[in-house]
Amino acid sequence: MAASHNFSSRYRRLGDRLTARWIGLKSFPVTDLLEVEPRSIGSPELGRQIVSGQFVLQGHQVDLQHNALWDLSLSDQAAILDLHGSVWLDHLAAFGGRKSGAMAQAWVDLWIDRFGRGGGPGWRADIAGRRVLRWLHHSVMLLDGADSSRRADFVEALAKQAVFISKRWPSVSPGLPRFEALAGLISAALAIKLLHPLVAPATRALAHECRVQIDATGSIFSRNPEELLDIFSLLSWTAAALRAAGWTPADLHLDAIQRIAPTLRMLRHKDGGLARFHGGGRGFSGRLDQALAASGSRGFPQSGLAMGFARLSAGASSVLIDAGALPQGRASINAHASSLAFELTSGRHPVIVNCGSGRRFGEDWRRTGRGTASHSTLVIEDFVSAELGPRLWFSGQRRDALVNGPSEFPSALSLSTAGQKFEGGHNGFLAKTGLTHARTLTLSPDGDLLSGEEVLIAVAARDKLLFDQFMRRQGLQGFSCKLRFHLHPDIVVRIHPTGGQAVLILPNSETWALSTDATVKLALESSVYLERQALQPRATKQVVLSQSAISYATRINWVLTRTRPPEQLRRERDHEMRYAIQT
């Protein structure tokens, strides 16, 4: 099977090269370019880093002060493709200023000169679609001060890439890569009059992908919230571009937007960021709210889970819990062993987090971030609730799939006078220990108290036999279960002198007190916070509740209690009202 996929990947690359070379030799006498509204949002912080000569690509920190962008020596194929995708244009535009604009123009002009005739690694339909969208969105910046010759070269390069995508988009992997390819194709074909005949077949293809890749609940197979936002943004941008050009988007296209919007709204924390699960990040500041507002959809899912995630929300608090089935097969190449992990945000401040995706910092960090211990959940010994398995081909690269995860993951949401309650479980530790993890989280009506109950239990007779075997392997000395609460780096934590309580202090001086049973050991350990905007992993802390267990049932109870000054309460209510009006 691996050999088959390797051959398929080689065949695809050959097809890309031949098609790119053939198109590169052709002449496209185009000069007209419809001005496109800039829609993609970047990070001013990443833009600042690039302008100052710092750049991190897949764990490689490169020096732009002494090297031109396209002269960088990179051995990592993923880093090379990231570079050719040109998302750095979003960050330069977000940072702004003359130097950013000059760098952007120089790098794009150099790309056209070196690769515009069909050479280089950037001629793959999804990478070309990503690049075309950025060129279009930032065309005003890129063409500022351009003479007629430079403008003609720019438009012709866009046209060649669009024609290439029209030939090669079926060769890229289903999911986000195809959406990127088709969105770039449609946007370029609408902006260049000569390419208008490409619009209709591309919109039909996009409608088909919406039907097969986005389910009735607005979910995708990878269960990656940020990837869902990426797809949602691409669909929204494309719909807006079609309408602006006098076209009517397909019903399947518009229906997909309306299905995704409520799901994304459920995955939004109170601070406007996304839940960080299965390889996804929070999203750049403001991007989620802008996308939701532009969609015109204001609904929430009626009940239950959203893409396998449960949400508790009250007052200024939001809690998001991974309660669904793990992604399978190629959809799992970025997935994490995060069953029953949760995140807590208070107002504009993340409090309890997961370590996040380490993709930006290289393969070792990427693998570390996928482990169970990198999430705010319960861990038995050093076991994981799902394992990294065989390396599968996806979008031209080999990645580890997630295997041997939970087969059962019951969950329920309920409401009572005590507040909103989540009850869930998973059997990811069953094969090794005979134990099932059950978690109950209750958020009070005012959002000031989050209580948790963790139970490890051998349910059936067969489970007890497995547990007995596990205990014999442990030398009948019992085993360690650890409940991890990873903290955002902005949180200051103090351990009470008695050792039974941790006080979490937020940047706005709000505090959360984490307390537990007297029989449970509370300790502070090191952790990391992995985010796209940082040059390196950020050091942070985690509170760990641990207990030795020897029986068929072990229980840990804990409570997080918040205290806030009245003025802060008023500001939070005002902030929530503004969000409700905007989205």
Protein backbone atom coordinates (compact mmCIF):
# COMPACT_ATOMS: atom_id res chain seq x y z
CA MET A 1 0.00 0.00 0.00
CA ALA A 2 2.82 2.42 0.92
CA ALA A 3 4.58 1.65 -2.38
CA SER A 4 1.35 2.31 -4.26
CA HIS A 5 0.90 5.72 -2.64
CA ASN A 6 4.59 6.52 -3.22
CA PHE A 7 4.15 5.76 -6.92
CA SER A 8 0.98 7.85 -7.01
CA SER A 9 2.81 10.78 -5.42
CA ARG A 10 5.67 10.50 -7.91
CA TYR A 11 3.20 10.33 -10.79
CA ARG A 12 1.40 13.43 -9.49
CA ARG A 13 4.64 15.38 -9.20
CA LEU A 14 5.59 14.41 -12.75
CA GLY A 15 2.19 15.55 -13.98
CA ASP A 16 2.62 18.87 -12.15
CA ARG A 17 6.06 19.46 -13.64
CA LEU A 18 5.05 18.65 -17.21
CA THR A 19 1.89 20.75 -17.02
CA ALA A 20 3.71 23.69 -15.43
CA ARG A 21 6.47 23.60 -18.07
CA TRP A 22 3.94 23.42 -20.90
CA ILE A 23 1.96 26.38 -19.54
CA GLY A 24 5.16 28.28 -18.75
CA LEU A 25 6.12 28.23 -22.42
CA LYS A 26 2.79 29.70 -23.51
CA SER A 27 2.10 33.40 -23.83
CA PHE A 28 -0.89 35.04 -22.15
CA PRO A 29 -1.29 38.60 -23.46
CA VAL A 30 -3.30 39.88 -20.51
CA THR A 31 -3.05 43.27 -18.85
CA ASP A 32 -6.51 43.70 -17.32
CA LEU A 33 -6.89 42.83 -13.65
CA LEU A 34 -10.01 43.47 -11.64
CA GLU A 35 -9.09 44.95 -8.28
CA VAL A 36 -9.84 42.40 -5.56
CA GLU A 37 -10.82 43.34 -2.03
CA PRO A 38 -8.16 42.15 0.45
CA ARG A 39 -9.76 39.46 2.61
CA SER A 40 -7.02 37.26 4.07
CA ILE A 41 -5.86 38.36 7.52
CA GLY A 42 -2.31 38.01 8.75
CA SER A 43 -0.46 38.57 12.00
CA PRO A 44 1.23 41.95 12.60
CA GLU A 45 3.65 40.19 14.98
CA LEU A 46 4.72 37.71 12.30
CA GLY A 47 5.01 40.60 9.86
CA ARG A 48 7.29 42.42 12.30
CA GLN A 49 9.45 39.32 12.64
CA ILE A 50 9.80 38.98 8.86
CA VAL A 51 10.67 42.65 8.38
CA SER A 52 13.30 42.38 11.13
CA GLY A 53 14.90 39.47 9.27
CA GLN A 54 13.46 36.56 11.28
CA PHE A 55 11.39 33.80 9.75
CA VAL A 56 10.36 30.40 11.14
CA LEU A 57 9.33 27.69 8.70
CA GLN A 58 8.50 24.20 9.96
CA GLY A 59 10.99 24.53 12.83
CA HIS A 60 13.69 26.21 10.74
CA GLN A 61 14.55 29.76 11.81
CA VAL A 62 16.00 31.40 8.72
CA ASP A 63 18.05 34.56 8.35
CA LEU A 64 16.55 37.05 5.92
CA GLN A 65 19.08 39.76 6.70
CA HIS A 66 21.83 38.07 4.69
CA ASN A 67 19.77 35.92 2.31
CA ALA A 68 17.12 36.67 -0.29
CA LEU A 69 13.88 34.78 0.32
CA TRP A 70 14.29 32.48 -2.66
CA ASP A 71 17.99 31.88 -1.92
CA LEU A 72 17.26 30.18 1.40
CA SER A 73 18.66 26.68 1.70
CA LEU A 74 15.86 24.49 3.05
CA SER A 75 15.84 20.71 3.17
CA ASP A 76 12.35 20.34 4.63
CA GLN A 77 9.81 19.96 1.83
CA ALA A 78 6.97 21.25 4.00
CA ALA A 79 8.96 24.43 4.76
CA ILE A 80 9.66 24.96 1.05
CA LEU A 81 5.98 24.60 0.19
CA ASP A 82 5.01 27.01 2.97
CA LEU A 83 7.37 29.56 1.47
CA HIS A 84 5.90 29.16 -2.02
CA GLY A 85 2.36 29.42 -0.65
CA SER A 86 3.10 33.12 0.05
CA VAL A 87 1.00 33.39 3.22
CA TRP A 88 3.81 35.64 4.45
CA LEU A 89 2.18 38.32 2.28
CA ASP A 90 -0.72 38.40 4.76
CA HIS A 91 1.69 39.09 7.60
CA LEU A 92 3.63 41.78 5.75
CA ALA A 93 0.37 43.51 4.84
CA ALA A 94 -0.87 43.28 8.43
CA PHE A 95 2.36 44.85 9.72
CA GLY A 96 2.22 47.57 7.09
CA GLY A 97 4.72 50.27 6.21
CA ARG A 98 6.91 51.02 3.23
CA LYS A 99 9.53 48.41 4.07
CA SER A 100 6.90 45.66 4.19
CA GLY A 101 5.52 46.71 0.81
CA ALA A 102 8.98 46.92 -0.76
CA MET A 103 9.91 43.45 0.54
CA ALA A 104 6.64 41.98 -0.73
CA GLN A 105 7.12 43.50 -4.19
CA ALA A 106 10.74 42.37 -4.45
CA TRP A 107 10.01 38.79 -3.39
CA VAL A 108 7.01 38.38 -5.73
CA ASP A 109 8.91 39.91 -8.65
CA LEU A 110 11.79 37.53 -7.96
CA TRP A 111 9.39 34.57 -7.84
CA ILE A 112 8.01 35.54 -11.25
CA ASP A 113 11.53 35.87 -12.65
CA ARG A 114 12.76 32.53 -11.28
CA PHE A 115 9.68 30.31 -11.26
CA GLY A 116 7.06 32.04 -13.39
CA ARG A 117 7.78 29.90 -16.44
CA GLY A 118 6.86 26.67 -14.68
CA GLY A 119 9.92 25.84 -12.61
CA GLY A 120 10.45 25.23 -8.92
CA PRO A 121 8.50 23.34 -6.24
CA GLY A 122 5.60 25.77 -5.98
CA TRP A 123 3.71 24.38 -8.96
CA ARG A 124 1.20 22.24 -7.13
CA ALA A 125 -2.46 23.09 -7.41
CA ASP A 126 -3.17 23.76 -3.73
CA ILE A 127 0.06 25.74 -3.23
CA ALA A 128 -0.63 27.70 -6.42
CA GLY A 129 -4.20 28.40 -5.26
CA ARG A 130 -2.94 29.67 -1.90
CA ARG A 131 -0.36 31.86 -3.63
CA VAL A 132 -2.80 33.24 -6.22
CA LEU A 133 -5.26 34.28 -3.51
CA ARG A 134 -2.53 36.22 -1.66
CA TRP A 135 -1.33 37.89 -4.83
CA LEU A 136 -4.88 38.97 -5.62
CA HIS A 137 -5.74 40.08 -2.09
CA HIS A 138 -2.59 42.19 -1.87
CA SER A 139 -2.38 43.27 -5.51
CA VAL A 140 -2.74 46.95 -4.59
CA MET A 141 0.35 46.70 -2.40
CA LEU A 142 2.24 44.55 -4.91
CA LEU A 143 1.49 46.82 -7.89
CA ASP A 144 1.99 50.12 -6.09
CA GLY A 145 4.23 52.21 -8.35
CA ALA A 146 4.51 49.45 -10.98
CA ASP A 147 5.07 50.42 -14.61
CA SER A 148 3.11 48.81 -17.45
CA SER A 149 5.75 46.15 -18.07
CA ARG A 150 5.89 44.97 -14.46
CA ARG A 151 2.11 44.99 -14.21
CA ALA A 152 1.84 42.87 -17.37
CA ASP A 153 4.34 40.34 -16.01
CA PHE A 154 2.36 40.10 -12.76
CA VAL A 155 -1.00 39.56 -14.46
CA GLU A 156 0.45 37.03 -16.91
CA ALA A 157 2.00 35.07 -14.03
CA LEU A 158 -1.40 35.00 -12.32
CA ALA A 159 -3.05 33.78 -15.52
CA LYS A 160 -0.52 30.98 -15.99
CA GLN A 161 -1.03 29.76 -12.45
CA ALA A 162 -4.81 29.82 -12.83
CA VAL A 163 -4.65 27.77 -16.03
CA PHE A 164 -2.29 25.34 -14.27
CA ILE A 165 -4.74 24.93 -11.39
CA SER A 166 -7.61 24.31 -13.83
CA LYS A 167 -5.67 21.32 -15.20
CA ARG A 168 -4.26 19.93 -11.96
CA TRP A 169 -6.70 20.58 -9.09
CA PRO A 170 -8.11 17.00 -9.15
CA SER A 171 -4.61 15.68 -8.35
CA VAL A 172 -4.39 17.25 -4.87
CA SER A 173 -5.73 15.60 -1.74
CA PRO A 174 -9.41 16.06 -0.87
CA GLY A 175 -10.20 18.52 1.91
CA LEU A 176 -8.47 21.85 2.47
CA PRO A 177 -5.96 21.40 -0.42
CA ARG A 178 -8.75 21.15 -2.99
CA PHE A 179 -10.65 24.06 -1.50
CA GLU A 180 -7.48 26.18 -1.71
CA ALA A 181 -6.91 25.20 -5.32
CA LEU A 182 -10.48 25.87 -6.47
CA ALA A 183 -10.84 29.12 -4.52
CA GLY A 184 -7.64 30.44 -6.09
CA LEU A 185 -8.76 29.35 -9.56
CA ILE A 186 -12.18 30.99 -9.30
CA SER A 187 -10.80 34.22 -7.87
CA ALA A 188 -8.17 34.53 -10.61
CA ALA A 189 -10.61 33.62 -13.38
CA LEU A 190 -13.02 36.30 -12.18
CA ALA A 191 -10.25 38.92 -11.95
CA ILE A 192 -8.83 38.29 -15.45
CA LYS A 193 -11.30 38.62 -18.33
CA LEU A 194 -9.44 36.18 -20.58
CA LEU A 195 -10.02 33.42 -18.01
CA HIS A 196 -13.77 33.87 -17.53
CA PRO A 197 -14.54 30.53 -19.30
CA LEU A 198 -12.83 28.75 -16.38
CA VAL A 199 -15.32 30.08 -13.82
CA ALA A 200 -18.32 27.82 -14.50
CA PRO A 201 -16.51 24.44 -14.36
CA ALA A 202 -14.58 25.53 -11.29
CA THR A 203 -17.74 26.57 -9.43
CA ARG A 204 -19.32 23.20 -10.22
CA ALA A 205 -16.24 21.43 -8.88
CA LEU A 206 -16.31 23.57 -5.73
CA ALA A 207 -19.98 22.72 -5.16
CA HIS A 208 -19.15 19.02 -5.43
CA GLU A 209 -16.35 19.31 -2.85
CA CYS A 210 -18.76 21.11 -0.51
CA ARG A 211 -21.17 18.20 -0.78
CA VAL A 212 -18.64 15.42 -0.13
CA GLN A 213 -16.23 17.10 2.34
CA ILE A 214 -18.61 19.00 4.65
CA ASP A 215 -21.27 16.98 6.43
CA ALA A 216 -24.81 17.98 7.36
CA THR A 217 -23.66 19.42 10.70
CA GLY A 218 -21.00 21.67 9.14
CA SER A 219 -18.12 19.39 10.22
CA ILE A 220 -15.03 18.10 8.43
CA PHE A 221 -13.30 14.75 8.79
CA SER A 222 -10.13 16.10 10.45
CA ARG A 223 -12.10 17.79 13.30
CA ASN A 224 -9.49 20.57 13.21
CA PRO A 225 -11.31 23.82 14.15
CA GLU A 226 -8.78 26.11 12.45
CA GLU A 227 -8.90 24.03 9.27
CA LEU A 228 -12.68 24.39 9.31
CA LEU A 229 -12.20 28.16 9.61
CA ASP A 230 -9.77 28.06 6.67
CA ILE A 231 -12.33 26.27 4.52
CA PHE A 232 -15.11 28.56 5.70
CA SER A 233 -13.02 31.62 4.82
CA LEU A 234 -12.20 30.26 1.36
CA LEU A 235 -15.87 29.56 0.66
CA SER A 236 -16.93 32.99 1.94
CA TRP A 237 -14.24 34.81 -0.08
CA THR A 238 -15.21 32.91 -3.21
CA ALA A 239 -18.93 33.56 -2.74
CA ALA A 240 -18.25 37.28 -2.27
CA ALA A 241 -16.03 37.37 -5.38
CA LEU A 242 -18.67 35.60 -7.48
CA ARG A 243 -21.41 37.97 -6.36
CA ALA A 244 -19.21 41.02 -6.98
CA ALA A 245 -18.64 39.81 -10.56
CA GLY A 246 -22.35 39.21 -11.16
CA TRP A 247 -22.30 35.44 -10.71
CA THR A 248 -24.58 33.45 -8.40
CA PRO A 249 -22.77 30.93 -6.18
CA ALA A 250 -24.09 27.37 -6.33
CA ASP A 251 -26.68 26.33 -3.76
CA LEU A 252 -24.34 23.62 -2.40
CA HIS A 253 -21.65 26.28 -1.93
CA LEU A 254 -23.96 28.64 -0.03
CA ASP A 255 -25.49 25.80 2.00
CA ALA A 256 -22.01 24.75 3.15
CA ILE A 257 -21.33 28.26 4.45
CA GLN A 258 -24.60 28.25 6.38
CA ARG A 259 -23.86 24.82 7.88
CA ILE A 260 -20.31 25.69 8.95
CA ALA A 261 -21.06 29.06 10.58
CA PRO A 262 -23.03 27.71 13.58
CA THR A 263 -20.38 25.05 14.18
CA LEU A 264 -17.60 27.63 14.23
CA ARG A 265 -19.63 29.79 16.58
CA MET A 266 -19.83 26.85 18.99
CA LEU A 267 -16.05 26.40 18.77
CA ARG A 268 -15.40 30.06 19.63
CA HIS A 269 -14.08 30.94 23.07
CA LYS A 270 -15.21 34.09 24.87
CA ASP A 271 -12.05 35.90 23.78
CA GLY A 272 -12.82 35.37 20.09
CA GLY A 273 -10.26 32.60 19.57
CA LEU A 274 -10.88 29.05 18.41
CA ALA A 275 -10.50 25.93 20.50
CA ARG A 276 -6.99 24.54 19.91
CA PHE A 277 -7.47 20.89 19.04
CA HIS A 278 -6.27 18.38 16.44
CA GLY A 279 -3.52 20.52 14.95
CA GLY A 280 -5.45 23.79 14.87
CA GLY A 281 -4.57 27.06 16.54
CA ARG A 282 -6.65 29.96 17.85
CA GLY A 283 -6.60 31.75 14.50
CA PHE A 284 -5.23 35.24 14.02
CA SER A 285 -6.88 37.96 16.05
CA GLY A 286 -10.23 39.04 14.64
CA ARG A 287 -10.27 36.53 11.81
CA LEU A 288 -13.00 34.28 13.21
CA ASP A 289 -15.37 37.10 14.14
CA GLN A 290 -14.84 38.78 10.77
CA ALA A 291 -15.59 35.55 8.93
CA LEU A 292 -18.74 34.88 10.98
CA ALA A 293 -20.01 38.42 10.53
CA ALA A 294 -19.42 38.29 6.77
CA SER A 295 -21.31 34.99 6.44
CA GLY A 296 -24.64 36.50 7.47
CA SER A 297 -25.43 33.40 9.53
CA ARG A 298 -26.25 34.03 13.20
CA GLY A 299 -27.39 30.61 14.37
CA PHE A 300 -25.99 28.11 16.87
CA PRO A 301 -26.38 24.33 16.58
CA GLN A 302 -29.64 23.37 18.25
CA SER A 303 -28.12 20.94 20.77
CA GLY A 304 -25.41 18.39 21.41
CA LEU A 305 -21.87 18.37 20.11
CA ALA A 306 -20.37 20.55 17.40
CA MET A 307 -17.87 18.59 15.27
CA GLY A 308 -17.41 16.31 18.29
CA PHE A 309 -16.78 19.13 20.77
CA ALA A 310 -18.95 20.01 23.77
CA ARG A 311 -19.32 23.63 24.88
CA LEU A 312 -20.21 25.03 28.28
CA SER A 313 -20.72 28.78 28.42
CA ALA A 314 -21.92 31.07 31.20
CA GLY A 315 -21.08 34.62 32.19
CA ALA A 316 -17.60 35.42 30.91
CA SER A 317 -16.48 31.75 30.92
CA SER A 318 -16.31 29.27 28.08
CA VAL A 319 -15.24 25.63 28.27
CA LEU A 320 -14.64 23.48 25.20
CA ILE A 321 -14.16 19.71 25.49
CA ASP A 322 -13.01 17.11 22.96
CA ALA A 323 -15.81 14.57 23.26
CA GLY A 324 -15.96 13.02 19.79
CA ALA A 325 -14.49 10.15 17.84
CA LEU A 326 -10.90 10.61 16.75
CA PRO A 327 -10.33 11.36 13.05
CA GLN A 328 -9.53 8.29 11.00
CA GLY A 329 -7.03 7.45 8.26
CA ARG A 330 -5.60 10.40 6.36
CA ALA A 331 -7.88 12.76 8.25
CA SER A 332 -5.87 11.89 11.39
CA ILE A 333 -2.41 12.96 10.18
CA ASN A 334 -2.60 16.13 12.29
CA ALA A 335 -4.94 14.75 14.97
CA HIS A 336 -4.04 14.66 18.67
CA ALA A 337 -4.63 12.04 21.37
CA SER A 338 -6.83 14.54 23.20
CA SER A 339 -9.95 12.60 24.22
CA LEU A 340 -11.84 14.46 27.01
CA ALA A 341 -9.25 17.28 27.10
CA PHE A 342 -10.73 20.71 27.80
CA GLU A 343 -9.90 24.40 27.55
CA LEU A 344 -11.17 27.23 29.75
CA THR A 345 -11.25 30.90 28.78
CA SER A 346 -12.30 33.72 31.12
CA GLY A 347 -13.34 36.87 29.31
CA ARG A 348 -10.48 37.84 27.03
CA HIS A 349 -7.94 35.57 28.69
CA PRO A 350 -7.22 31.88 28.00
CA VAL A 351 -6.66 30.11 31.32
CA ILE A 352 -6.55 26.31 30.91
CA VAL A 353 -5.15 25.34 27.50
CA ASN A 354 -3.64 22.49 25.54
CA CYS A 355 -0.01 22.73 24.44
CA GLY A 356 -1.12 23.09 20.82
CA SER A 357 0.34 22.14 17.47
CA GLY A 358 4.13 22.12 17.24
CA ARG A 359 4.12 22.00 13.43
CA ARG A 360 5.75 25.43 13.16
CA PHE A 361 8.70 24.26 15.26
CA GLY A 362 9.56 21.03 13.46
CA GLU A 363 8.67 17.36 13.53
CA ASP A 364 9.80 16.64 17.11
CA TRP A 365 7.61 19.39 18.56
CA ARG A 366 4.78 18.35 16.27
CA ARG A 367 4.87 14.81 17.66
CA THR A 368 5.17 16.06 21.25
CA GLY A 369 2.11 18.26 20.89
CA ARG A 370 0.02 15.31 19.70
CA GLY A 371 0.53 13.23 22.86
CA THR A 372 -2.08 12.90 25.61
CA ALA A 373 0.20 14.47 28.23
CA SER A 374 0.25 17.68 26.18
CA HIS A 375 -3.47 18.16 26.85
CA SER A 376 -5.52 19.16 29.86
CA THR A 377 -6.89 15.75 30.65
CA LEU A 378 -6.13 12.64 32.72
CA VAL A 379 -3.17 10.37 31.96
CA ILE A 380 -2.40 6.92 33.38
CA GLU A 381 1.35 6.41 33.90
CA ASP A 382 2.93 7.50 30.58
CA PHE A 383 0.25 5.98 28.38
CA VAL A 384 -1.52 7.78 25.55
CA SER A 385 -5.19 7.47 24.70
CA ALA A 386 -4.23 7.00 21.03
CA GLU A 387 -0.94 6.19 19.34
CA LEU A 388 1.03 7.54 16.41
CA GLY A 389 0.89 4.83 13.80
CA PRO A 390 1.86 4.32 10.16
CA ARG A 391 3.00 7.19 7.99
CA LEU A 392 0.45 7.94 5.29
CA TRP A 393 0.73 10.07 2.17
CA PHE A 394 -1.29 13.28 2.22
CA SER A 395 -0.86 16.26 -0.07
CA GLY A 396 2.53 15.00 -1.24
CA GLN A 397 3.97 14.40 2.25
CA ARG A 398 4.17 11.44 4.63
CA ARG A 399 2.62 11.99 8.05
CA ASP A 400 1.89 9.81 11.09
CA ALA A 401 -1.70 8.67 11.36
CA LEU A 402 -3.36 8.33 14.77
CA VAL A 403 -4.34 4.75 15.61
CA ASN A 404 -5.51 2.55 18.49
CA GLY A 405 -7.66 5.29 19.96
CA PRO A 406 -10.93 5.00 21.87
CA SER A 407 -13.68 2.93 20.29
CA GLU A 408 -16.33 4.20 22.70
CA PHE A 409 -16.86 7.85 23.66
CA PRO A 410 -20.32 8.37 25.18
CA SER A 411 -21.27 11.92 26.16
CA ALA A 412 -24.25 13.91 27.40
CA LEU A 413 -25.01 17.57 28.05
CA SER A 414 -27.63 18.65 30.58
CA LEU A 415 -28.85 21.73 32.40
CA SER A 416 -29.86 22.04 36.05
CA THR A 417 -29.92 24.58 38.86
CA ALA A 418 -26.24 23.74 39.43
CA GLY A 419 -25.46 24.91 35.90
CA GLN A 420 -24.46 23.31 32.60
CA LYS A 421 -23.10 19.79 32.92
CA PHE A 422 -21.00 17.68 30.58
CA GLU A 423 -20.62 13.94 31.15
CA GLY A 424 -18.34 11.91 28.92
CA GLY A 425 -16.04 8.93 28.77
CA HIS A 426 -13.54 7.11 26.61
CA ASN A 427 -11.89 3.69 26.63
CA GLY A 428 -8.53 4.70 25.13
CA PHE A 429 -6.66 3.16 28.11
CA LEU A 430 -8.78 0.00 28.20
CA ALA A 431 -6.51 -2.35 26.25
CA LYS A 432 -3.49 -1.56 28.44
CA THR A 433 -5.13 -1.16 31.85
CA GLY A 434 -8.76 -2.37 31.74
CA LEU A 435 -9.85 1.14 32.80
CA THR A 436 -12.31 3.60 31.28
CA HIS A 437 -11.96 7.32 31.94
CA ALA A 438 -15.20 9.15 32.79
CA ARG A 439 -15.19 12.94 33.18
CA THR A 440 -17.93 15.22 34.50
CA LEU A 441 -17.60 19.01 34.21
CA THR A 442 -20.16 21.45 35.62
CA LEU A 443 -20.09 25.20 34.96
CA SER A 444 -22.15 27.33 37.34
CA PRO A 445 -24.86 29.68 35.96
CA ASP A 446 -22.66 32.75 36.56
CA GLY A 447 -19.57 31.07 35.08
CA ASP A 448 -17.56 31.59 38.26
CA LEU A 449 -17.20 27.94 39.27
CA LEU A 450 -16.08 24.97 37.21
CA SER A 451 -16.15 21.65 39.05
CA GLY A 452 -14.80 18.38 37.80
CA GLU A 453 -15.03 14.72 38.68
CA GLU A 454 -12.61 12.21 37.15
CA VAL A 455 -13.30 8.51 37.47
CA LEU A 456 -11.14 5.60 36.32
CA ILE A 457 -13.16 2.41 36.46
CA ALA A 458 -13.01 -1.21 35.33
CA VAL A 459 -16.61 -1.70 34.24
CA ALA A 460 -17.08 -5.26 32.98
CA ALA A 461 -15.68 -8.58 34.19
CA ARG A 462 -13.28 -8.70 31.24
CA ASP A 463 -12.09 -5.19 32.09
CA LYS A 464 -11.31 -6.33 35.63
CA LEU A 465 -9.24 -9.22 34.27
CA LEU A 466 -7.26 -6.73 32.15
CA PHE A 467 -6.85 -4.53 35.22
CA ASP A 468 -5.54 -7.45 37.29
CA GLN A 469 -2.98 -8.24 34.57
CA PHE A 470 -1.96 -4.57 34.50
CA MET A 471 -1.50 -4.55 38.28
CA ARG A 472 0.68 -7.65 38.15
CA ARG A 473 2.88 -5.93 35.55
CA GLN A 474 3.13 -3.03 38.01
CA GLY A 475 4.32 -5.42 40.71
CA LEU A 476 1.04 -4.93 42.63
CA GLN A 477 2.40 -1.54 43.71
CA GLY A 478 -0.41 0.46 42.17
CA PHE A 479 -0.19 2.99 39.38
CA SER A 480 -0.05 6.74 38.93
CA CYS A 481 -2.88 8.75 37.42
CA LYS A 482 -2.19 12.39 36.70
CA LEU A 483 -4.69 15.10 35.90
CA ARG A 484 -3.01 17.87 33.93
CA PHE A 485 -4.06 21.52 33.74
CA HIS A 486 -1.81 23.29 31.23
CA LEU A 487 -1.77 27.05 31.76
CA HIS A 488 -1.53 29.87 29.26
CA PRO A 489 1.87 31.62 29.52
CA ASP A 490 0.20 34.87 30.63
CA ILE A 491 -1.09 33.19 33.78
CA VAL A 492 0.87 33.60 37.01
CA VAL A 493 0.42 30.66 39.37
CA ARG A 494 1.02 30.44 43.11
CA ILE A 495 0.81 27.30 45.23
CA HIS A 496 -0.88 27.81 48.59
CA PRO A 497 1.48 27.12 51.54
CA THR A 498 -0.69 24.14 52.54
CA GLY A 499 -0.07 22.62 49.11
CA GLY A 500 -3.75 21.88 48.52
CA GLN A 501 -4.59 24.80 46.28
CA ALA A 502 -3.16 26.61 43.25
CA VAL A 503 -4.08 30.25 42.66
CA LEU A 504 -4.08 31.34 39.01
CA ILE A 505 -3.67 35.09 38.46
CA LEU A 506 -4.77 36.55 35.12
CA PRO A 507 -3.27 39.65 33.48
CA ASN A 508 -6.36 41.66 34.57
CA SER A 509 -5.78 40.60 38.22
CA GLU A 510 -8.71 38.19 38.17
CA THR A 511 -7.97 34.98 40.07
CA TRP A 512 -9.01 31.37 39.78
CA ALA A 513 -8.37 29.00 42.70
CA LEU A 514 -7.87 25.32 41.84
CA SER A 515 -8.48 22.99 44.77
CA THR A 516 -8.83 19.25 45.16
CA ASP A 517 -9.28 16.44 47.68
CA ALA A 518 -6.87 16.13 50.59
CA THR A 519 -5.77 12.69 49.32
CA VAL A 520 -4.65 14.12 45.99
CA LYS A 521 -1.18 15.57 45.52
CA LEU A 522 -1.06 19.00 43.85
CA ALA A 523 2.19 20.03 42.13
CA LEU A 524 3.51 22.58 39.66
CA GLU A 525 5.44 21.37 36.61
CA SER A 526 6.91 22.91 33.48
CA SER A 527 4.97 23.00 30.23
CA VAL A 528 5.10 24.68 26.82
CA TYR A 529 2.66 26.70 24.76
CA LEU A 530 3.00 26.19 21.02
CA GLU A 531 1.62 28.97 18.83
CA ARG A 532 2.19 30.14 15.30
CA GLN A 533 3.06 33.74 16.19
CA ALA A 534 6.05 32.83 18.40
CA LEU A 535 9.62 32.39 17.21
CA GLN A 536 10.03 29.44 19.57
CA PRO A 537 7.90 27.41 22.00
CA ARG A 538 6.83 29.55 24.96
CA ALA A 539 7.64 28.26 28.42
CA THR A 540 4.68 27.99 30.76
CA LYS A 541 3.46 25.90 33.71
CA GLN A 542 0.97 23.14 34.39
CA VAL A 543 -0.79 22.20 37.59
CA VAL A 544 -0.76 18.42 38.06
CA LEU A 545 -3.10 16.55 40.38
CA SER A 546 -1.77 13.05 40.98
CA GLN A 547 -2.89 10.04 42.91
CA SER A 548 -1.70 6.47 43.27
CA ALA A 549 -4.41 3.91 42.65
CA ILE A 550 -4.77 0.21 43.29
CA SER A 551 -8.49 -0.52 42.92
CA TYR A 552 -11.05 -1.07 40.19
CA ALA A 553 -12.35 2.49 40.70
CA THR A 554 -10.43 5.70 41.37
CA ARG A 555 -11.98 9.13 41.75
CA ILE A 556 -10.48 12.65 41.74
CA ASN A 557 -12.63 15.70 42.45
CA TRP A 558 -11.50 19.27 41.78
CA VAL A 559 -12.95 22.78 41.68
CA LEU A 560 -11.91 25.98 39.91
CA THR A 561 -13.38 29.11 41.53
CA ARG A 562 -13.12 32.64 40.14
CA THR A 563 -13.14 36.01 41.90
CA ARG A 564 -13.59 39.25 39.94
CA PRO A 565 -13.98 42.93 40.80
CA PRO A 566 -17.37 44.52 39.90
CA GLU A 567 -15.86 46.84 37.27
CA GLN A 568 -14.49 43.85 35.38
CA LEU A 569 -17.91 42.21 35.39
CA ARG A 570 -19.45 45.27 33.77
CA ARG A 571 -16.76 45.39 31.04
CA GLU A 572 -17.25 41.70 30.26
CA ARG A 573 -21.01 42.10 29.88
CA ASP A 574 -20.48 45.04 27.52
CA HIS A 575 -17.97 43.04 25.48
CA GLU A 576 -20.37 40.10 25.10
CA MET A 577 -23.20 42.40 24.01
CA ARG A 578 -21.00 43.95 21.32
CA TYR A 579 -20.05 40.51 20.02
CA ALA A 580 -23.71 39.41 19.91
CA ILE A 581 -24.60 42.49 17.85
CA GLN A 582 -21.68 42.06 15.43
CA THR A 583 -22.04 38.34 14.73
